[in-house]
Amino acid sequence: MSTPAEQQWWVIYRETLIQFEIVAVEPPPGNDTAFDERCAQLEADGLDACVIDAPDADTAGDIAGRAWVEAFLSDPKRLAAADAYLATLNQPTN
């Protein structure tokens, strides 16, 4: 059984201190002009992108999501900042 060939995917996402939201997964732009235009559009929309090699868009999204979780959980400073942020959400308001 052969495995599907991998290709590059742009995983477009929005990230906060405690959340990683995949907005889209798409093939990378085809030329330098399209690349620059897409980067400018993502920046204007407050989004980021990472490049993932995967056989399909769903797998690329899964890989990006797992990588974010692993990076989040392995960084004590990030965990402490998230805990502090969540604690502020749980404080009663008077």
Protein backbone atom coordinates (compact mmCIF):
# COMPACT_ATOMS: atom_id res chain seq x y z
CA MET A 1 0.00 0.00 0.00
CA SER A 2 1.43 3.38 -0.93
CA THR A 3 1.05 6.54 1.08
CA PRO A 4 -0.29 9.73 -0.47
CA ALA A 5 2.34 12.26 -1.52
CA GLU A 6 2.69 15.14 0.86
CA GLN A 7 2.28 18.71 -0.25
CA GLN A 8 2.54 22.03 1.51
CA TRP A 9 -0.50 23.61 3.14
CA TRP A 10 -0.98 26.97 4.77
CA VAL A 11 -2.84 26.55 8.03
CA ILE A 12 -4.44 29.94 8.70
CA TYR A 13 -5.15 30.54 12.36
CA ARG A 14 -6.05 32.99 15.09
CA GLU A 15 -4.31 32.62 18.43
CA THR A 16 -5.01 34.03 21.86
CA LEU A 17 -3.34 33.32 25.16
CA ILE A 18 -5.55 30.27 25.70
CA GLN A 19 -6.97 29.37 22.30
CA PHE A 20 -5.84 28.25 18.85
CA GLU A 21 -8.54 28.53 16.18
CA ILE A 22 -7.94 27.25 12.66
CA VAL A 23 -9.71 29.55 10.23
CA ALA A 24 -8.71 27.86 6.96
CA VAL A 25 -6.31 25.42 5.39
CA GLU A 26 -5.26 26.20 1.83
CA PRO A 27 -2.45 25.60 -0.65
CA PRO A 28 0.26 28.26 -0.50
CA PRO A 29 0.07 31.16 -2.97
CA GLY A 30 1.51 30.32 -6.36
CA ASN A 31 3.90 33.22 -6.89
CA ASP A 32 5.71 36.01 -5.05
CA THR A 33 3.05 38.63 -5.74
CA ALA A 34 0.22 36.38 -4.54
CA PHE A 35 2.32 35.43 -1.50
CA ASP A 36 2.86 39.09 -0.56
CA GLU A 37 -0.82 39.92 -1.08
CA ARG A 38 -2.00 36.96 1.01
CA CYS A 39 0.44 37.79 3.82
CA ALA A 40 -0.78 41.41 3.86
CA GLN A 41 -4.40 40.24 3.94
CA LEU A 42 -3.74 37.84 6.83
CA GLU A 43 -1.93 40.53 8.80
CA ALA A 44 -4.78 43.01 8.22
CA ASP A 45 -7.25 40.39 9.45
CA GLY A 46 -5.19 39.64 12.56
CA LEU A 47 -4.41 36.10 11.41
CA ASP A 48 -1.22 34.06 11.13
CA ALA A 49 -0.24 31.07 9.03
CA CYS A 50 2.07 28.14 9.39
CA VAL A 51 3.28 25.88 6.61
CA ILE A 52 2.66 22.17 7.10
CA ASP A 53 3.66 19.28 4.84
CA ALA A 54 0.78 16.80 4.77
CA PRO A 55 -1.13 14.61 2.31
CA ASP A 56 -4.34 16.65 2.69
CA ALA A 57 -5.84 19.76 4.29
CA ASP A 58 -7.48 17.91 7.19
CA THR A 59 -4.22 16.25 8.18
CA ALA A 60 -2.39 19.58 7.94
CA GLY A 61 -4.92 21.16 10.32
CA ASP A 62 -4.60 18.26 12.75
CA ILE A 63 -0.80 18.52 12.74
CA ALA A 64 -0.89 22.28 13.37
CA GLY A 65 -3.39 21.87 16.21
CA ARG A 66 -1.34 19.16 17.91
CA ALA A 67 1.84 21.21 17.53
CA TRP A 68 0.16 24.20 19.19
CA VAL A 69 -1.06 22.10 22.12
CA GLU A 70 2.36 20.49 22.59
CA ALA A 71 4.08 23.89 22.54
CA PHE A 72 1.50 25.30 24.96
CA LEU A 73 1.77 22.44 27.43
CA SER A 74 5.58 22.33 27.37
CA ASP A 75 6.06 26.04 28.16
CA PRO A 76 5.75 26.79 31.90
CA LYS A 77 5.60 30.56 31.28
CA ARG A 78 2.74 30.14 28.85
CA LEU A 79 0.86 27.87 31.24
CA ALA A 80 1.34 30.33 34.11
CA ALA A 81 0.10 33.22 31.96
CA ALA A 82 -2.94 31.20 30.89
CA ASP A 83 -3.69 30.23 34.51
CA ALA A 84 -3.45 33.86 35.59
CA TYR A 85 -5.72 34.93 32.75
CA LEU A 86 -8.30 32.26 33.54
CA ALA A 87 -8.21 33.22 37.22
CA THR A 88 -9.20 36.78 36.30
CA LEU A 89 -12.19 35.44 34.39
CA ASN A 90 -13.40 33.52 37.43
CA GLN A 91 -13.28 36.45 39.85
CA PRO A 92 -16.70 37.74 40.91
CA THR A 93 -17.56 41.26 39.84
CA ASN A 94 -19.30 43.58 42.28
